[in-house]
């Protein structure tokens, strides 16, 4: 199961789980584009490796380095 974790500098804001990476990415993009949203998002594989993080400045997902592939 993949997971999408939201956090700010101090708090874990929650985690969403799904088997569908596209669903998590779409949900995360919508979440981060809300002007009231704070913090950051990270998309993880079931193994705990990072797949991508959401870049709020460019409004897009940034893929993790090849070391996590």
C-alpha atoms as a PDB file:
ATOM      1  CA  UNK A   1       0.000   0.000   0.000  1.00  0.00           C
ATOM      2  CA  UNK A   2       1.325   3.436  -0.948  1.00  0.00           C
ATOM      3  CA  UNK A   3       1.045   6.353   1.459  1.00  0.00           C
ATOM      4  CA  UNK A   4       0.893  10.111   1.168  1.00  0.00           C
ATOM      5  CA  UNK A   5       2.132  11.908   4.284  1.00  0.00           C
ATOM      6  CA  UNK A   6       1.390  15.551   5.066  1.00  0.00           C
ATOM      7  CA  UNK A   7       3.441  17.406   7.670  1.00  0.00           C
ATOM      8  CA  UNK A   8       4.592  20.851   8.673  1.00  0.00           C
ATOM      9  CA  UNK A   9       7.724  21.870  10.544  1.00  0.00           C
ATOM     10  CA  UNK A  10       6.280  20.652  13.841  1.00  0.00           C
ATOM     11  CA  UNK A  11       3.361  18.264  13.260  1.00  0.00           C
ATOM     12  CA  UNK A  12       2.395  15.178  11.328  1.00  0.00           C
ATOM     13  CA  UNK A  13      -0.780  16.436   9.611  1.00  0.00           C
ATOM     14  CA  UNK A  14      -1.981  13.007   8.496  1.00  0.00           C
ATOM     15  CA  UNK A  15      -1.471  10.133   6.105  1.00  0.00           C
ATOM     16  CA  UNK A  16      -3.631   8.872   3.240  1.00  0.00           C
ATOM     17  CA  UNK A  17      -3.231   5.295   1.974  1.00  0.00           C
ATOM     18  CA  UNK A  18      -4.066   3.814  -1.446  1.00  0.00           C
ATOM     19  CA  UNK A  19      -2.928   1.159  -3.886  1.00  0.00           C
ATOM     20  CA  UNK A  20      -3.318   3.706  -6.704  1.00  0.00           C
ATOM     21  CA  UNK A  21      -0.417   6.130  -7.091  1.00  0.00           C
ATOM     22  CA  UNK A  22      -2.336   8.345  -9.537  1.00  0.00           C
ATOM     23  CA  UNK A  23      -5.131   8.818  -6.987  1.00  0.00           C
ATOM     24  CA  UNK A  24      -2.681   9.867  -4.279  1.00  0.00           C
ATOM     25  CA  UNK A  25      -0.929  12.279  -6.636  1.00  0.00           C
ATOM     26  CA  UNK A  26      -4.239  13.848  -7.738  1.00  0.00           C
ATOM     27  CA  UNK A  27      -5.450  14.141  -4.141  1.00  0.00           C
ATOM     28  CA  UNK A  28      -2.125  15.620  -3.044  1.00  0.00           C
ATOM     29  CA  UNK A  29      -2.084  18.177  -5.842  1.00  0.00           C
ATOM     30  CA  UNK A  30      -5.601  19.330  -5.014  1.00  0.00           C
ATOM     31  CA  UNK A  31      -4.731  19.493  -1.310  1.00  0.00           C
ATOM     32  CA  UNK A  32      -1.585  21.557  -1.870  1.00  0.00           C
ATOM     33  CA  UNK A  33      -3.339  23.997  -4.229  1.00  0.00           C
ATOM     34  CA  UNK A  34      -5.773  25.064  -1.498  1.00  0.00           C
ATOM     35  CA  UNK A  35      -4.592  28.496  -0.279  1.00  0.00           C
ATOM     36  CA  UNK A  36      -5.235  27.463   3.345  1.00  0.00           C
ATOM     37  CA  UNK A  37      -2.902  24.459   3.130  1.00  0.00           C
ATOM     38  CA  UNK A  38       0.339  24.489   5.065  1.00  0.00           C
ATOM     39  CA  UNK A  39       3.235  22.047   5.180  1.00  0.00           C
ATOM     40  CA  UNK A  40       4.559  19.525   2.708  1.00  0.00           C
ATOM     41  CA  UNK A  41       3.594  16.227   1.087  1.00  0.00           C
ATOM     42  CA  UNK A  42       5.682  13.137   0.518  1.00  0.00           C
ATOM     43  CA  UNK A  43       4.595  10.059  -1.446  1.00  0.00           C
ATOM     44  CA  UNK A  44       6.050   6.759  -0.202  1.00  0.00           C
ATOM     45  CA  UNK A  45       6.230   3.192  -1.528  1.00  0.00           C
ATOM     46  CA  UNK A  46       5.011   0.401   0.730  1.00  0.00           C
ATOM     47  CA  UNK A  47       8.689  -0.283   1.532  1.00  0.00           C
ATOM     48  CA  UNK A  48       9.071   3.224   2.971  1.00  0.00           C
ATOM     49  CA  UNK A  49      11.141   4.573   0.070  1.00  0.00           C
ATOM     50  CA  UNK A  50      10.222   8.066  -1.130  1.00  0.00           C
ATOM     51  CA  UNK A  51       8.644   8.185  -4.596  1.00  0.00           C
ATOM     52  CA  UNK A  52       8.140  11.962  -4.851  1.00  0.00           C
ATOM     53  CA  UNK A  53       7.568  15.177  -2.942  1.00  0.00           C
ATOM     54  CA  UNK A  54       5.217  17.987  -3.880  1.00  0.00           C
ATOM     55  CA  UNK A  55       6.867  21.309  -4.747  1.00  0.00           C
ATOM     56  CA  UNK A  56       4.434  24.042  -3.726  1.00  0.00           C
ATOM     57  CA  UNK A  57       6.399  26.704  -5.646  1.00  0.00           C
ATOM     58  CA  UNK A  58       6.100  24.967  -9.020  1.00  0.00           C
ATOM     59  CA  UNK A  59       2.813  23.136  -8.278  1.00  0.00           C
ATOM     60  CA  UNK A  60       4.187  19.800  -9.390  1.00  0.00           C
ATOM     61  CA  UNK A  61       5.552  16.537  -8.076  1.00  0.00           C
ATOM     62  CA  UNK A  62       9.344  16.209  -7.911  1.00  0.00           C
ATOM     63  CA  UNK A  63      10.477  12.617  -8.361  1.00  0.00           C
ATOM     64  CA  UNK A  64      12.911  11.160  -5.856  1.00  0.00           C
ATOM     65  CA  UNK A  65      16.455  10.402  -6.992  1.00  0.00           C
ATOM     66  CA  UNK A  66      17.379   7.175  -8.763  1.00  0.00           C
ATOM     67  CA  UNK A  67      18.702   5.796  -5.475  1.00  0.00           C
ATOM     68  CA  UNK A  68      15.083   5.340  -4.319  1.00  0.00           C
ATOM     69  CA  UNK A  69      13.885   3.824  -7.604  1.00  0.00           C
END
